[in-house]
PDB file of all heavy atoms in Angstrom:
ATOM      1  N   THR A   1      26.741  31.537 -33.717  1.00  0.00           N
ATOM      2  CA  THR A   1      27.059  30.903 -34.864  1.00  0.00           C
ATOM      3  C   THR A   1      28.446  31.357 -35.433  1.00  0.00           C
ATOM      4  O   THR A   1      29.289  30.573 -35.982  1.00  0.00           O
ATOM      5  CB  THR A   1      25.949  31.067 -35.970  1.00  0.00           C
ATOM      6  OG1 THR A   1      24.793  30.629 -35.391  1.00  0.00           O
ATOM      7  CG2 THR A   1      26.284  30.371 -37.216  1.00  0.00           C
ATOM      8  N   TRP A   2      28.724  32.672 -35.285  1.00  0.00           N
ATOM      9  CA  TRP A   2      30.039  33.242 -35.767  1.00  0.00           C
ATOM     10  C   TRP A   2      31.066  32.587 -35.010  1.00  0.00           C
ATOM     11  O   TRP A   2      32.147  32.209 -35.633  1.00  0.00           O
ATOM     12  CB  TRP A   2      30.020  34.678 -35.674  1.00  0.00           C
ATOM     13  CG  TRP A   2      31.306  35.355 -35.833  1.00  0.00           C
ATOM     14  CD1 TRP A   2      32.158  35.861 -34.963  1.00  0.00           C
ATOM     15  CD2 TRP A   2      32.030  35.524 -37.195  1.00  0.00           C
ATOM     16  NE1 TRP A   2      33.263  36.351 -35.576  1.00  0.00           N
ATOM     17  CE2 TRP A   2      33.225  36.083 -36.953  1.00  0.00           C
ATOM     18  CE3 TRP A   2      31.653  35.191 -38.483  1.00  0.00           C
ATOM     19  CZ2 TRP A   2      34.126  36.435 -37.905  1.00  0.00           C
ATOM     20  CZ3 TRP A   2      32.527  35.510 -39.471  1.00  0.00           C
ATOM     21  CH2 TRP A   2      33.774  36.138 -39.151  1.00  0.00           C
ATOM     22  N   LEU A   3      31.012  32.504 -33.716  1.00  0.00           N
ATOM     23  CA  LEU A   3      32.171  32.020 -32.961  1.00  0.00           C
ATOM     24  C   LEU A   3      32.426  30.510 -33.289  1.00  0.00           C
ATOM     25  O   LEU A   3      33.532  30.001 -33.150  1.00  0.00           O
ATOM     26  CB  LEU A   3      31.793  32.099 -31.409  1.00  0.00           C
ATOM     27  CG  LEU A   3      31.873  33.455 -30.908  1.00  0.00           C
ATOM     28  CD1 LEU A   3      31.415  33.492 -29.451  1.00  0.00           C
ATOM     29  CD2 LEU A   3      33.297  34.075 -30.942  1.00  0.00           C
ATOM     30  N   ASN A   4      31.425  29.779 -33.715  1.00  0.00           N
ATOM     31  CA  ASN A   4      31.555  28.425 -34.009  1.00  0.00           C
ATOM     32  C   ASN A   4      31.856  28.187 -35.516  1.00  0.00           C
ATOM     33  O   ASN A   4      32.021  27.015 -35.968  1.00  0.00           O
ATOM     34  CB  ASN A   4      30.259  27.601 -33.704  1.00  0.00           C
ATOM     35  CG  ASN A   4      30.567  26.075 -33.463  1.00  0.00           C
ATOM     36  OD1 ASN A   4      31.609  25.724 -32.934  1.00  0.00           O
ATOM     37  ND2 ASN A   4      29.536  25.316 -33.695  1.00  0.00           N
ATOM     38  N   PHE A   5      31.991  29.275 -36.274  1.00  0.00           N
ATOM     39  CA  PHE A   5      32.107  29.193 -37.730  1.00  0.00           C
ATOM     40  C   PHE A   5      33.571  29.144 -38.171  1.00  0.00           C
ATOM     41  O   PHE A   5      34.404  30.061 -37.760  1.00  0.00           O
ATOM     42  CB  PHE A   5      31.387  30.424 -38.382  1.00  0.00           C
ATOM     43  CG  PHE A   5      31.489  30.504 -39.883  1.00  0.00           C
ATOM     44  CD1 PHE A   5      30.871  29.499 -40.658  1.00  0.00           C
ATOM     45  CD2 PHE A   5      32.161  31.495 -40.549  1.00  0.00           C
ATOM     46  CE1 PHE A   5      30.938  29.585 -42.033  1.00  0.00           C
ATOM     47  CE2 PHE A   5      32.172  31.560 -41.881  1.00  0.00           C
ATOM     48  CZ  PHE A   5      31.605  30.607 -42.671  1.00  0.00           C
ATOM     49  N   LYS A   6      33.981  28.106 -38.825  1.00  0.00           N
ATOM     50  CA  LYS A   6      35.358  27.853 -39.121  1.00  0.00           C
ATOM     51  C   LYS A   6      35.881  28.541 -40.491  1.00  0.00           C
ATOM     52  O   LYS A   6      37.044  28.774 -40.645  1.00  0.00           O
ATOM     53  CB  LYS A   6      35.647  26.411 -39.117  1.00  0.00           C
ATOM     54  CG  LYS A   6      35.238  25.699 -38.005  1.00  0.00           C
ATOM     55  CD  LYS A   6      36.060  26.124 -36.646  1.00  0.00           C
ATOM     56  CE  LYS A   6      35.864  25.205 -35.487  1.00  0.00           C
ATOM     57  NZ  LYS A   6      34.509  25.262 -34.934  1.00  0.00           N
ATOM     58  N   ASN A   7      34.926  28.720 -41.418  1.00  0.00           N
ATOM     59  CA  ASN A   7      35.341  29.127 -42.821  1.00  0.00           C
ATOM     60  C   ASN A   7      35.242  30.627 -42.974  1.00  0.00           C
ATOM     61  O   ASN A   7      34.606  31.051 -43.864  1.00  0.00           O
ATOM     62  CB  ASN A   7      34.343  28.369 -43.816  1.00  0.00           C
ATOM     63  CG  ASN A   7      34.807  28.603 -45.196  1.00  0.00           C
ATOM     64  OD1 ASN A   7      35.897  28.767 -45.537  1.00  0.00           O
ATOM     65  ND2 ASN A   7      33.770  28.679 -46.056  1.00  0.00           N
ATOM     66  N   ARG A   8      35.907  31.397 -42.112  1.00  0.00           N
ATOM     67  CA  ARG A   8      35.738  32.895 -42.099  1.00  0.00           C
ATOM     68  C   ARG A   8      36.347  33.533 -43.284  1.00  0.00           C
ATOM     69  O   ARG A   8      35.879  34.677 -43.630  1.00  0.00           O
ATOM     70  CB  ARG A   8      36.330  33.442 -40.730  1.00  0.00           C
ATOM     71  CG  ARG A   8      35.511  32.930 -39.617  1.00  0.00           C
ATOM     72  CD  ARG A   8      36.076  33.588 -38.266  1.00  0.00           C
ATOM     73  NE  ARG A   8      35.320  33.021 -37.098  1.00  0.00           N
ATOM     74  CZ  ARG A   8      35.540  33.365 -35.941  1.00  0.00           C
ATOM     75  NH1 ARG A   8      36.426  34.321 -35.668  1.00  0.00           N
ATOM     76  NH2 ARG A   8      34.777  32.918 -34.877  1.00  0.00           N
ATOM     77  N   GLY A   9      37.431  32.999 -43.863  1.00  0.00           N
ATOM     78  CA  GLY A   9      38.009  33.609 -44.989  1.00  0.00           C
ATOM     79  C   GLY A   9      38.509  35.051 -44.589  1.00  0.00           C
ATOM     80  O   GLY A   9      39.231  35.148 -43.582  1.00  0.00           O
ATOM     81  N   ASP A  10      38.083  36.096 -45.263  1.00  0.00           N
ATOM     82  CA  ASP A  10      38.523  37.463 -44.980  1.00  0.00           C
ATOM     83  C   ASP A  10      37.533  38.165 -44.147  1.00  0.00           C
ATOM     84  O   ASP A  10      37.605  39.435 -43.934  1.00  0.00           O
ATOM     85  CB  ASP A  10      38.790  38.187 -46.268  1.00  0.00           C
ATOM     86  CG  ASP A  10      39.675  39.440 -46.121  1.00  0.00           C
ATOM     87  OD1 ASP A  10      40.643  39.301 -45.328  1.00  0.00           O
ATOM     88  OD2 ASP A  10      39.321  40.384 -46.697  1.00  0.00           O
ATOM     89  N   LEU A  11      36.463  37.522 -43.627  1.00  0.00           N
ATOM     90  CA  LEU A  11      35.536  38.194 -42.754  1.00  0.00           C
ATOM     91  C   LEU A  11      35.975  38.457 -41.376  1.00  0.00           C
ATOM     92  O   LEU A  11      36.713  37.692 -40.826  1.00  0.00           O
ATOM     93  CB  LEU A  11      34.263  37.366 -42.786  1.00  0.00           C
ATOM     94  CG  LEU A  11      33.499  37.065 -44.040  1.00  0.00           C
ATOM     95  CD1 LEU A  11      32.140  36.262 -43.751  1.00  0.00           C
ATOM     96  CD2 LEU A  11      33.167  38.367 -44.824  1.00  0.00           C
ATOM     97  N   ALA A  12      35.426  39.585 -40.821  1.00  0.00           N
ATOM     98  CA  ALA A  12      35.749  39.918 -39.443  1.00  0.00           C
ATOM     99  C   ALA A  12      34.563  40.730 -38.868  1.00  0.00           C
ATOM    100  O   ALA A  12      33.740  41.080 -39.604  1.00  0.00           O
ATOM    101  CB  ALA A  12      36.998  40.827 -39.389  1.00  0.00           C
ATOM    102  N   ILE A  13      34.496  40.769 -37.526  1.00  0.00           N
ATOM    103  CA  ILE A  13      33.381  41.535 -36.913  1.00  0.00           C
ATOM    104  C   ILE A  13      33.693  42.991 -37.114  1.00  0.00           C
ATOM    105  O   ILE A  13      34.766  43.545 -36.842  1.00  0.00           O
ATOM    106  CB  ILE A  13      33.313  41.270 -35.384  1.00  0.00           C
ATOM    107  CG1 ILE A  13      33.032  39.832 -35.037  1.00  0.00           C
ATOM    108  CG2 ILE A  13      32.287  42.162 -34.718  1.00  0.00           C
ATOM    109  CD1 ILE A  13      33.098  39.431 -33.656  1.00  0.00           C
ATOM    110  N   LEU A  14      32.705  43.691 -37.708  1.00  0.00           N
ATOM    111  CA  LEU A  14      32.857  45.108 -37.975  1.00  0.00           C
ATOM    112  C   LEU A  14      31.930  46.027 -37.098  1.00  0.00           C
ATOM    113  O   LEU A  14      32.234  47.112 -36.744  1.00  0.00           O
ATOM    114  CB  LEU A  14      32.617  45.381 -39.460  1.00  0.00           C
ATOM    115  CG  LEU A  14      33.531  44.721 -40.476  1.00  0.00           C
ATOM    116  CD1 LEU A  14      33.111  44.988 -41.880  1.00  0.00           C
ATOM    117  CD2 LEU A  14      34.903  45.202 -40.174  1.00  0.00           C
ATOM    118  N   VAL A  15      30.700  45.542 -36.844  1.00  0.00           N
ATOM    119  CA  VAL A  15      29.745  46.339 -35.932  1.00  0.00           C
ATOM    120  C   VAL A  15      29.312  45.407 -34.853  1.00  0.00           C
ATOM    121  O   VAL A  15      28.777  44.300 -35.065  1.00  0.00           O
ATOM    122  CB  VAL A  15      28.604  46.878 -36.781  1.00  0.00           C
ATOM    123  CG1 VAL A  15      27.650  47.600 -35.874  1.00  0.00           C
ATOM    124  CG2 VAL A  15      29.052  47.731 -37.980  1.00  0.00           C
ATOM    125  N   GLU A  16      29.406  45.891 -33.634  1.00  0.00           N
ATOM    126  CA  GLU A  16      28.873  45.153 -32.410  1.00  0.00           C
ATOM    127  C   GLU A  16      28.682  46.205 -31.280  1.00  0.00           C
ATOM    128  O   GLU A  16      29.201  47.288 -31.383  1.00  0.00           O
ATOM    129  CB  GLU A  16      29.949  44.092 -31.941  1.00  0.00           C
ATOM    130  CG  GLU A  16      31.282  44.613 -31.533  1.00  0.00           C
ATOM    131  CD  GLU A  16      32.254  43.624 -31.194  1.00  0.00           C
ATOM    132  OE1 GLU A  16      31.781  42.513 -30.642  1.00  0.00           O
ATOM    133  OE2 GLU A  16      33.454  43.752 -31.324  1.00  0.00           O
ATOM    134  N   GLY A  17      27.888  45.775 -30.336  1.00  0.00           N
ATOM    135  CA  GLY A  17      27.644  46.581 -29.176  1.00  0.00           C
ATOM    136  C   GLY A  17      26.478  47.557 -29.246  1.00  0.00           C
ATOM    137  O   GLY A  17      26.248  48.313 -28.210  1.00  0.00           O
ATOM    138  N   ASP A  18      25.838  47.710 -30.397  1.00  0.00           N
ATOM    139  CA  ASP A  18      24.596  48.463 -30.481  1.00  0.00           C
ATOM    140  C   ASP A  18      23.409  47.807 -29.729  1.00  0.00           C
ATOM    141  O   ASP A  18      23.270  46.585 -29.887  1.00  0.00           O
ATOM    142  CB  ASP A  18      24.306  48.733 -31.893  1.00  0.00           C
ATOM    143  CG  ASP A  18      23.174  49.767 -32.078  1.00  0.00           C
ATOM    144  OD1 ASP A  18      22.233  49.841 -31.280  1.00  0.00           O
ATOM    145  OD2 ASP A  18      23.147  50.425 -33.151  1.00  0.00           O
ATOM    146  N   LYS A  19      22.798  48.575 -28.839  1.00  0.00           N
ATOM    147  CA  LYS A  19      21.670  47.965 -28.061  1.00  0.00           C
ATOM    148  C   LYS A  19      20.591  47.350 -28.939  1.00  0.00           C
ATOM    149  O   LYS A  19      19.811  46.447 -28.530  1.00  0.00           O
ATOM    150  CB  LYS A  19      21.099  48.906 -27.041  1.00  0.00           C
ATOM    151  CG  LYS A  19      20.401  50.086 -27.639  1.00  0.00           C
ATOM    152  CD  LYS A  19      19.795  50.983 -26.660  1.00  0.00           C
ATOM    153  CE  LYS A  19      19.104  52.222 -27.305  1.00  0.00           C
ATOM    154  NZ  LYS A  19      18.535  53.144 -26.231  1.00  0.00           N
ATOM    155  N   GLN A  20      20.520  47.826 -30.165  1.00  0.00           N
ATOM    156  CA  GLN A  20      19.473  47.358 -31.180  1.00  0.00           C
ATOM    157  C   GLN A  20      19.847  45.852 -31.478  1.00  0.00           C
ATOM    158  O   GLN A  20      19.000  45.083 -32.111  1.00  0.00           O
ATOM    159  CB  GLN A  20      19.414  48.188 -32.403  1.00  0.00           C
ATOM    160  CG  GLN A  20      19.023  49.615 -32.277  1.00  0.00           C
ATOM    161  CD  GLN A  20      17.565  49.707 -31.830  1.00  0.00           C
ATOM    162  OE1 GLN A  20      16.788  48.757 -32.008  1.00  0.00           O
ATOM    163  NE2 GLN A  20      17.200  50.890 -31.221  1.00  0.00           N
ATOM    164  N   LEU A  21      21.037  45.393 -31.203  1.00  0.00           N
ATOM    165  CA  LEU A  21      21.427  44.109 -31.676  1.00  0.00           C
ATOM    166  C   LEU A  21      21.250  43.039 -30.540  1.00  0.00           C
ATOM    167  O   LEU A  21      21.723  41.899 -30.832  1.00  0.00           O
ATOM    168  CB  LEU A  21      22.972  44.150 -32.096  1.00  0.00           C
ATOM    169  CG  LEU A  21      23.200  45.025 -33.319  1.00  0.00           C
ATOM    170  CD1 LEU A  21      24.710  45.122 -33.610  1.00  0.00           C
ATOM    171  CD2 LEU A  21      22.465  44.422 -34.579  1.00  0.00           C
ATOM    172  N   PHE A  22      20.582  43.322 -29.472  1.00  0.00           N
ATOM    173  CA  PHE A  22      20.180  42.404 -28.507  1.00  0.00           C
ATOM    174  C   PHE A  22      19.368  41.227 -29.060  1.00  0.00           C
ATOM    175  O   PHE A  22      18.467  41.494 -29.877  1.00  0.00           O
ATOM    176  CB  PHE A  22      19.491  43.191 -27.371  1.00  0.00           C
ATOM    177  CG  PHE A  22      19.047  42.306 -26.231  1.00  0.00           C
ATOM    178  CD1 PHE A  22      19.920  41.936 -25.165  1.00  0.00           C
ATOM    179  CD2 PHE A  22      17.741  41.816 -26.121  1.00  0.00           C
ATOM    180  CE1 PHE A  22      19.556  41.146 -24.119  1.00  0.00           C
ATOM    181  CE2 PHE A  22      17.338  41.014 -25.013  1.00  0.00           C
ATOM    182  CZ  PHE A  22      18.190  40.712 -24.066  1.00  0.00           C
ATOM    183  N   ASN A  23      19.654  40.017 -28.590  1.00  0.00           N
ATOM    184  CA  ASN A  23      18.975  38.827 -29.205  1.00  0.00           C
ATOM    185  C   ASN A  23      18.513  37.882 -28.165  1.00  0.00           C
ATOM    186  O   ASN A  23      19.286  37.126 -27.581  1.00  0.00           O
ATOM    187  CB  ASN A  23      20.036  38.079 -30.103  1.00  0.00           C
ATOM    188  CG  ASN A  23      19.422  36.926 -30.789  1.00  0.00           C
ATOM    189  OD1 ASN A  23      18.302  36.855 -31.076  1.00  0.00           O
ATOM    190  ND2 ASN A  23      20.281  35.984 -31.113  1.00  0.00           N
ATOM    191  N   GLN A  24      17.177  37.986 -27.879  1.00  0.00           N
ATOM    192  CA  GLN A  24      16.589  37.143 -26.774  1.00  0.00           C
ATOM    193  C   GLN A  24      15.972  35.850 -27.267  1.00  0.00           C
ATOM    194  O   GLN A  24      15.365  35.833 -28.254  1.00  0.00           O
ATOM    195  CB  GLN A  24      15.471  37.992 -26.089  1.00  0.00           C
ATOM    196  CG  GLN A  24      14.707  37.202 -24.983  1.00  0.00           C
ATOM    197  CD  GLN A  24      15.613  37.067 -23.793  1.00  0.00           C
ATOM    198  OE1 GLN A  24      16.175  37.951 -23.221  1.00  0.00           O
ATOM    199  NE2 GLN A  24      15.572  35.812 -23.206  1.00  0.00           N
ATOM    200  N   TYR A  25      16.311  34.786 -26.486  1.00  0.00           N
ATOM    201  CA  TYR A  25      15.669  33.441 -26.936  1.00  0.00           C
ATOM    202  C   TYR A  25      14.624  33.078 -25.873  1.00  0.00           C
ATOM    203  O   TYR A  25      14.750  33.404 -24.712  1.00  0.00           O
ATOM    204  CB  TYR A  25      16.791  32.320 -26.860  1.00  0.00           C
ATOM    205  CG  TYR A  25      17.742  32.425 -27.974  1.00  0.00           C
ATOM    206  CD1 TYR A  25      18.803  33.390 -27.944  1.00  0.00           C
ATOM    207  CD2 TYR A  25      17.619  31.641 -29.073  1.00  0.00           C
ATOM    208  CE1 TYR A  25      19.718  33.393 -29.016  1.00  0.00           C
ATOM    209  CE2 TYR A  25      18.447  31.631 -30.175  1.00  0.00           C
ATOM    210  CZ  TYR A  25      19.472  32.578 -30.114  1.00  0.00           C
ATOM    211  OH  TYR A  25      20.393  32.619 -31.176  1.00  0.00           O
ATOM    212  N   GLY A  26      13.561  32.390 -26.303  1.00  0.00           N
ATOM    213  CA  GLY A  26      12.498  31.946 -25.381  1.00  0.00           C
ATOM    214  C   GLY A  26      12.146  30.537 -25.682  1.00  0.00           C
ATOM    215  O   GLY A  26      12.446  30.005 -26.754  1.00  0.00           O
ATOM    216  N   VAL A  27      11.495  29.922 -24.684  1.00  0.00           N
ATOM    217  CA  VAL A  27      10.942  28.537 -24.875  1.00  0.00           C
ATOM    218  C   VAL A  27       9.448  28.575 -24.644  1.00  0.00           C
ATOM    219  O   VAL A  27       8.913  29.223 -23.760  1.00  0.00           O
ATOM    220  CB  VAL A  27      11.711  27.581 -23.868  1.00  0.00           C
ATOM    221  CG1 VAL A  27      11.353  27.888 -22.426  1.00  0.00           C
ATOM    222  CG2 VAL A  27      11.324  26.127 -24.188  1.00  0.00           C
ATOM    223  N   ILE A  28       8.710  27.743 -25.492  1.00  0.00           N
ATOM    224  CA  ILE A  28       7.293  27.619 -25.502  1.00  0.00           C
ATOM    225  C   ILE A  28       6.829  26.161 -25.584  1.00  0.00           C
ATOM    226  O   ILE A  28       7.208  25.512 -26.616  1.00  0.00           O
ATOM    227  CB  ILE A  28       6.639  28.488 -26.569  1.00  0.00           C
ATOM    228  CG1 ILE A  28       7.112  29.920 -26.581  1.00  0.00           C
ATOM    229  CG2 ILE A  28       5.121  28.516 -26.465  1.00  0.00           C
ATOM    230  CD1 ILE A  28       6.723  30.828 -27.765  1.00  0.00           C
ATOM    231  N   VAL A  29       6.047  25.785 -24.711  1.00  0.00           N
ATOM    232  CA  VAL A  29       5.445  24.462 -24.773  1.00  0.00           C
ATOM    233  C   VAL A  29       4.138  24.538 -25.605  1.00  0.00           C
ATOM    234  O   VAL A  29       3.330  25.451 -25.431  1.00  0.00           O
ATOM    235  CB  VAL A  29       5.033  23.919 -23.376  1.00  0.00           C
ATOM    236  CG1 VAL A  29       4.305  22.631 -23.449  1.00  0.00           C
ATOM    237  CG2 VAL A  29       6.328  23.791 -22.453  1.00  0.00           C
ATOM    238  N   VAL A  30       4.100  23.677 -26.621  1.00  0.00           N
ATOM    239  CA  VAL A  30       2.871  23.584 -27.459  1.00  0.00           C
ATOM    240  C   VAL A  30       1.588  23.229 -26.676  1.00  0.00           C
ATOM    241  O   VAL A  30       1.617  22.334 -25.884  1.00  0.00           O
ATOM    242  CB  VAL A  30       3.046  22.659 -28.713  1.00  0.00           C
ATOM    243  CG1 VAL A  30       1.777  22.467 -29.527  1.00  0.00           C
ATOM    244  CG2 VAL A  30       4.227  23.179 -29.615  1.00  0.00           C
ATOM    245  N   ASN A  31       0.454  23.954 -26.977  1.00  0.00           N
ATOM    246  CA  ASN A  31      -0.783  23.748 -26.271  1.00  0.00           C
ATOM    247  C   ASN A  31      -1.499  22.502 -26.612  1.00  0.00           C
ATOM    248  O   ASN A  31      -1.938  22.363 -27.790  1.00  0.00           O
ATOM    249  CB  ASN A  31      -1.679  25.054 -26.456  1.00  0.00           C
ATOM    250  CG  ASN A  31      -2.895  24.965 -25.542  1.00  0.00           C
ATOM    251  OD1 ASN A  31      -3.112  24.037 -24.877  1.00  0.00           O
ATOM    252  ND2 ASN A  31      -3.654  26.091 -25.607  1.00  0.00           N
TER     253      ASN A  31
END
């Protein structure tokens, strides 16, 4: 979302690369 976000103003990436920040996506078919 950040990479696609155009209205950044004065914001910048300050913290990245911590393994705690891993973000996994999954898909599930409803039963």
